[in-house]
Each structure stands twice: as C-alpha cells, then as structure tokens.
C-alpha cells in the first residue's frame, strides 16, 4: 500500500542521474507518479531517451539528457537545461555507479580509477553542479551508496573506497548546505532483485539461495522499496532528516550477512 498521496510531489522538479534502468529509473518513475516533473540523465543517449519516453507515455512529465557523470560540464549542462525547462530544482538523486569483482592484487589502476570516477567523482559532480539551480530552502539531495561504504568486502576495494567517500561527502554537504535549507542524505540499498549488481554478485540459482539465506529478511528487496525510501527522504515528512545514510537492505549488515564475501557469490559458485 502506498502511504503517500498521489500528488505528494506535485509541482516539484526532480533531477535523477544514472536513470536509464534499475533503481534510479524506478525512483524517477515513482516520483513522476507522485506528481513531479522529472529530468533523467545517463551517458547512453538511446537508453535515456527510451526511459524518458516510457515515463511520458504513461502520462507523466519527463525529459531525458545524455550526460556522463564523470564530466562536470556535461552534468552542469543537463541541469541547466532542466532548470530552463522546468524551473528551480527541488530534488536531486545521484545514483550512477559502476562495479565489478576483482582481487586487489589484480586490480588495475585504471579499474580502480574508473569506479571512483563514476561513483564518487560522479556523485560530487551531480551534487555540486546542482547547487546553483536548487530551489532553496527546501531542496533535498539524495545519493545512492551501498553497504560497501561501511562494511569492508573482499574483492571490492574499489567500490568500498568509492562508497565510503560518498557517505562522507553526504555528511559534509549536509553540514555546509544545511543553513540554506538544503537537506543531503544517502540511501544504502541491500540486494535488490532484477538489478545488474545482483546479477553479478549472485549469478546462479544456488548462489542466490545462499545469499538470501544470510539476510535477516531472507529475500531480496525491490526497486520500489528503494523508490519508497527516496520518496520519504525527498518529502516534507523527512524535513528534519539530513546527513543520514539510510539503510534499506533487508538486514544485510546483520549477523552472517555482514561477513559476506563478494567472491563467494560471483567466483566459483
């Protein structure tokens, strides 16, 4: 059941980075359903155009731009065009990410740099570029992080470093921008069904079953679970929440699940 009214975000302008598929596209759809005007970006022009068209075809307001979050100027241009078409931006979601399994001893400098560039630098670019286009006071910025930001995981040194950086960036910006009425939070999703991340980490039915058995709730979450969390954080219901890393993870950091090794599910499983 949806506890939010259908027009909970009526009149709001939303910018979502990394929204051609998965969690971020679901957030964009969810926000559009609740009345927001949505602008989505991704580096793949064809996919982002298709994603925006799918939202618009359902009767909602959506536009899409091709932009690589690793390039500040490209992100800024997309935000500028969003502002020109829709007006001041109320909500920003930064969710572009990249990841792969690699032992640190075999991880190339370029591989490490690529993940940090997309995840951490990309998040900074989106949040920093959005600053001058925000509707303040009242703007809400949300980054998508991961359990690796606080839990070390073997074969994930690059992702752990990048996500830990996102967590600290979230807190620092919340402190600096809070006096202007800008809230900055992050969501840490656990294992979410039908996402590229879980297809990589649990590639077989057997590894998926082992993964679920170690979760407190014994099942994957859905993209809507994350969208619902984002909707709460973006809404006035969370007006006094900032600098928070909100875990929507089915208890994946509890008990045995907190000691999971990525390689157990993706290598030799």
Protein backbone atom coordinates (compact mmCIF):
# COMPACT_ATOMS: atom_id res chain seq x y z
CA UNK A 1 0.00 0.00 0.00
CA UNK A 2 1.24 3.48 -0.87
CA UNK A 3 1.06 5.76 2.19
CA UNK A 4 1.79 8.87 0.12
CA UNK A 5 -0.92 10.77 -1.69
CA UNK A 6 -0.88 10.57 -5.47
CA UNK A 7 0.21 14.21 -5.73
CA UNK A 8 2.72 14.20 -2.88
CA UNK A 9 5.34 15.82 -5.15
CA UNK A 10 3.00 18.00 -7.22
CA UNK A 11 4.89 20.99 -8.61
CA UNK A 12 8.29 19.59 -7.66
CA UNK A 13 11.16 19.36 -10.14
CA UNK A 14 13.37 16.27 -9.88
CA UNK A 15 16.74 15.51 -11.48
CA UNK A 16 17.89 11.87 -11.46
CA UNK A 17 21.38 10.82 -12.57
CA UNK A 18 22.03 7.26 -13.75
CA UNK A 19 18.36 6.70 -14.54
CA UNK A 20 18.36 4.65 -17.74
CA UNK A 21 17.50 1.47 -15.80
CA UNK A 22 17.24 -0.24 -12.42
CA UNK A 23 16.88 1.55 -9.11
CA UNK A 24 17.28 5.08 -10.42
CA UNK A 25 14.75 4.66 -13.22
CA UNK A 26 12.25 3.29 -10.72
CA UNK A 27 12.85 6.31 -8.48
CA UNK A 28 12.22 8.61 -11.44
CA UNK A 29 9.00 6.77 -12.34
CA UNK A 30 7.83 6.74 -8.73
CA UNK A 31 8.41 10.46 -8.34
CA UNK A 32 6.62 11.19 -11.63
CA UNK A 33 3.63 9.13 -10.49
CA UNK A 34 3.50 11.31 -7.39
CA UNK A 35 3.25 14.48 -9.44
CA UNK A 36 6.85 15.60 -10.05
CA UNK A 37 8.35 16.87 -13.28
CA UNK A 38 11.28 14.54 -13.85
CA UNK A 39 14.55 15.05 -15.71
CA UNK A 40 16.71 11.95 -16.12
CA UNK A 41 20.27 11.57 -17.35
CA UNK A 42 22.60 8.76 -18.35
CA UNK A 43 25.56 8.55 -20.69
CA UNK A 44 23.73 6.28 -23.17
CA UNK A 45 21.63 8.59 -25.34
CA UNK A 46 19.43 5.83 -26.78
CA UNK A 47 18.64 4.24 -23.42
CA UNK A 48 17.92 7.51 -21.65
CA UNK A 49 15.63 8.65 -24.47
CA UNK A 50 13.74 5.35 -24.22
CA UNK A 51 13.49 5.65 -20.42
CA UNK A 52 12.13 9.20 -20.59
CA UNK A 53 9.68 8.19 -23.31
CA UNK A 54 8.38 5.30 -21.19
CA UNK A 55 7.56 7.69 -18.32
CA UNK A 56 5.97 10.23 -20.64
CA UNK A 57 3.94 7.50 -22.38
CA UNK A 58 2.33 6.68 -19.03
CA UNK A 59 1.00 10.24 -18.87
CA UNK A 60 3.68 11.86 -16.72
CA UNK A 61 6.13 14.69 -17.32
CA UNK A 62 9.67 13.56 -18.13
CA UNK A 63 12.64 14.68 -20.19
CA UNK A 64 15.99 12.99 -20.73
CA UNK A 65 19.54 14.10 -21.44
CA UNK A 66 22.70 12.20 -22.30
CA UNK A 67 25.46 13.09 -19.84
CA UNK A 68 28.44 11.24 -18.38
CA UNK A 69 28.65 11.98 -14.65
CA UNK A 70 32.44 11.83 -14.90
CA UNK A 71 32.30 15.09 -16.84
CA UNK A 72 31.26 18.05 -14.70
CA UNK A 73 30.46 20.27 -17.69
CA UNK A 74 28.10 17.66 -19.15
CA UNK A 75 26.23 17.29 -15.86
CA UNK A 76 26.03 21.06 -15.47
CA UNK A 77 24.62 21.42 -18.99
CA UNK A 78 21.89 18.87 -18.26
CA UNK A 79 20.98 20.65 -15.04
CA UNK A 80 20.96 23.99 -16.81
CA UNK A 81 18.58 22.67 -19.47
CA UNK A 82 16.38 21.12 -16.79
CA UNK A 83 16.24 24.46 -14.97
CA UNK A 84 15.43 26.28 -18.22
CA UNK A 85 12.50 23.97 -18.99
CA UNK A 86 11.10 23.25 -15.54
CA UNK A 87 12.42 25.98 -13.23
CA UNK A 88 14.33 25.63 -9.92
CA UNK A 89 15.15 22.05 -8.96
CA UNK A 90 13.69 20.67 -5.73
CA UNK A 91 15.07 17.14 -5.61
CA UNK A 92 18.32 15.65 -6.92
CA UNK A 93 19.10 11.92 -6.99
CA UNK A 94 22.69 10.90 -7.73
CA UNK A 95 22.80 7.21 -8.50
CA UNK A 96 25.21 6.47 -11.34
CA UNK A 97 27.51 3.59 -10.41
CA UNK A 98 29.95 1.04 -11.77
CA UNK A 99 31.37 -2.09 -10.19
CA UNK A 100 33.00 -5.46 -10.84
CA UNK A 101 34.67 -8.24 -8.88
CA UNK A 102 38.48 -8.00 -8.62
CA UNK A 103 41.12 -9.08 -6.08
CA UNK A 104 43.12 -6.01 -5.06
CA UNK A 105 46.33 -7.72 -6.18
CA UNK A 106 44.94 -7.90 -9.71
CA UNK A 107 43.02 -4.62 -9.74
CA UNK A 108 44.50 -2.22 -12.26
CA UNK A 109 44.99 1.45 -11.56
CA UNK A 110 42.56 2.20 -14.37
CA UNK A 111 39.95 -0.18 -12.96
CA UNK A 112 40.15 1.45 -9.53
CA UNK A 113 40.04 4.92 -11.07
CA UNK A 114 37.03 4.07 -13.23
CA UNK A 115 34.85 3.06 -10.29
CA UNK A 116 35.95 6.04 -8.19
CA UNK A 117 35.34 8.37 -11.16
CA UNK A 118 31.80 7.12 -11.74
CA UNK A 119 30.68 6.58 -8.15
CA UNK A 120 32.47 9.19 -6.05
CA UNK A 121 33.53 11.87 -8.51
CA UNK A 122 30.24 11.45 -10.36
CA UNK A 123 28.29 11.98 -7.16
CA UNK A 124 30.28 15.11 -6.37
CA UNK A 125 29.71 16.42 -9.89
CA UNK A 126 25.94 15.90 -9.69
CA UNK A 127 25.54 17.42 -6.23
CA UNK A 128 27.99 20.27 -6.76
CA UNK A 129 26.65 21.19 -10.20
CA UNK A 130 23.08 21.17 -8.89
CA UNK A 131 23.85 23.73 -6.19
CA UNK A 132 23.18 26.87 -8.21
CA UNK A 133 19.94 25.51 -9.70
CA UNK A 134 18.30 24.45 -6.43
CA UNK A 135 15.05 25.76 -5.04
CA UNK A 136 16.10 26.79 -1.55
CA UNK A 137 15.15 26.49 1.24
CA UNK A 138 13.57 23.08 0.91
CA UNK A 139 15.78 21.27 -1.62
CA UNK A 140 16.52 17.61 -1.00
CA UNK A 141 19.64 15.87 -2.35
CA UNK A 142 19.91 12.07 -2.20
CA UNK A 143 22.86 9.89 -3.17
CA UNK A 144 22.72 6.15 -3.72
CA UNK A 145 25.53 4.47 -1.82
CA UNK A 146 25.95 0.79 -0.80
CA UNK A 147 26.77 -1.41 2.22
CA UNK A 148 30.40 -1.42 1.00
CA UNK A 149 30.58 2.17 2.22
CA UNK A 150 30.74 0.95 5.82
CA UNK A 151 31.37 -2.81 5.53
CA UNK A 152 34.68 -3.94 4.07
CA UNK A 153 34.24 -6.66 1.46
CA UNK A 154 36.87 -8.79 -0.21
CA UNK A 155 37.41 -8.17 -3.93
CA UNK A 156 35.60 -4.84 -3.61
CA UNK A 157 38.38 -2.45 -2.55
CA UNK A 158 37.49 -0.02 -5.34
CA UNK A 159 33.75 0.01 -4.56
CA UNK A 160 34.32 0.18 -0.80
CA UNK A 161 36.60 3.20 -1.19
CA UNK A 162 34.18 4.97 -3.54
CA UNK A 163 31.07 4.33 -1.44
CA UNK A 164 32.80 5.34 1.79
CA UNK A 165 33.66 8.59 0.04
CA UNK A 166 30.01 9.11 -0.92
CA UNK A 167 28.97 8.60 2.70
CA UNK A 168 31.37 11.24 3.97
CA UNK A 169 30.55 13.63 1.13
CA UNK A 170 26.88 13.31 2.11
CA UNK A 171 27.61 14.29 5.69
CA UNK A 172 29.95 17.15 4.77
CA UNK A 173 27.48 18.71 2.34
CA UNK A 174 24.66 18.30 4.88
CA UNK A 175 26.73 20.37 7.32
CA UNK A 176 27.74 23.04 4.81
CA UNK A 177 24.43 23.45 2.98
CA UNK A 178 22.04 22.85 5.86
CA UNK A 179 21.94 26.52 6.90
CA UNK A 180 20.50 27.30 3.45
CA UNK A 181 17.68 24.81 3.93
CA UNK A 182 19.22 22.12 1.74
CA UNK A 183 18.97 18.58 3.06
CA UNK A 184 21.54 15.99 1.95
CA UNK A 185 21.06 12.27 2.61
CA UNK A 186 22.00 8.92 1.11
CA UNK A 187 20.31 5.55 0.70
CA UNK A 188 22.26 2.32 1.07
CA UNK A 189 20.34 -0.41 -0.79
CA UNK A 190 20.92 -4.04 0.04
CA UNK A 191 20.46 -6.83 -2.52
CA UNK A 192 17.77 -5.69 -4.95
CA UNK A 193 16.12 -8.09 -7.38
CA UNK A 194 16.49 -7.66 -11.13
CA UNK A 195 19.46 -5.32 -10.95
CA UNK A 196 22.83 -5.62 -12.66
CA UNK A 197 24.59 -5.68 -9.28
CA UNK A 198 22.80 -8.82 -8.12
CA UNK A 199 23.20 -10.49 -11.49
CA UNK A 200 26.93 -10.09 -10.96
CA UNK A 201 27.09 -11.00 -7.26
CA UNK A 202 24.70 -13.95 -7.36
CA UNK A 203 24.98 -15.34 -10.84
CA UNK A 204 23.37 -18.76 -10.30
CA UNK A 205 20.21 -20.01 -8.51
CA UNK A 206 22.46 -21.77 -5.97
CA UNK A 207 24.44 -18.64 -5.12
CA UNK A 208 21.21 -16.62 -4.96
CA UNK A 209 19.76 -19.09 -2.44
CA UNK A 210 22.91 -18.88 -0.28
CA UNK A 211 22.81 -15.10 -0.46
CA UNK A 212 19.17 -14.92 0.65
CA UNK A 213 19.75 -17.42 3.47
CA UNK A 214 22.18 -14.99 5.09
CA UNK A 215 19.82 -12.00 5.00
CA UNK A 216 17.74 -11.16 8.07
CA UNK A 217 14.58 -10.94 5.95
CA UNK A 218 15.63 -13.91 3.77
CA UNK A 219 14.73 -12.22 0.50
CA UNK A 220 15.84 -9.56 -1.96
CA UNK A 221 14.30 -6.13 -1.93
CA UNK A 222 12.69 -4.49 -4.93
CA UNK A 223 13.45 -1.30 -6.78
CA UNK A 224 10.16 0.07 -5.41
CA UNK A 225 11.48 -0.44 -1.87
CA UNK A 226 14.30 1.96 -2.67
CA UNK A 227 11.98 4.36 -4.50
CA UNK A 228 9.67 4.45 -1.48
CA UNK A 229 12.64 5.27 0.76
CA UNK A 230 13.74 8.01 -1.61
CA UNK A 231 10.20 9.41 -1.72
CA UNK A 232 10.16 9.64 2.07
CA UNK A 233 13.54 11.39 2.20
CA UNK A 234 12.52 13.81 -0.54
CA UNK A 235 9.19 14.65 1.06
CA UNK A 236 8.26 17.07 3.83
CA UNK A 237 7.78 14.02 6.05
CA UNK A 238 11.59 13.96 6.33
CA UNK A 239 12.00 17.72 6.76
CA UNK A 240 14.24 17.22 9.83
CA UNK A 241 16.39 14.45 8.36
CA UNK A 242 19.79 15.36 6.94
CA UNK A 243 23.26 13.84 6.87
CA UNK A 244 21.73 10.37 7.19
CA UNK A 245 22.84 7.18 5.48
CA UNK A 246 19.53 5.29 5.36
CA UNK A 247 19.91 1.52 5.10
CA UNK A 248 17.20 -0.18 3.05
CA UNK A 249 18.88 -3.57 2.93
CA UNK A 250 16.78 -6.32 4.47
CA UNK A 251 19.29 -6.61 7.30
CA UNK A 252 22.22 -7.49 5.05
CA UNK A 253 24.65 -5.91 7.52
CA UNK A 254 23.43 -8.05 10.40
CA UNK A 255 24.84 -11.39 11.53
CA UNK A 256 26.32 -13.67 8.88
CA UNK A 257 25.36 -11.33 6.08
CA UNK A 258 27.78 -8.70 7.38
CA UNK A 259 30.67 -11.04 6.62
CA UNK A 260 29.68 -12.00 3.09
CA UNK A 261 32.44 -12.09 0.54
CA UNK A 262 31.58 -10.96 -2.96
CA UNK A 263 33.72 -13.72 -4.41
CA UNK A 264 31.61 -16.38 -2.72
CA UNK A 265 28.73 -15.50 -4.98
CA UNK A 266 30.46 -14.48 -8.16
CA UNK A 267 33.60 -16.62 -8.34
CA UNK A 268 33.47 -20.39 -8.28
CA UNK A 269 29.89 -20.53 -7.06
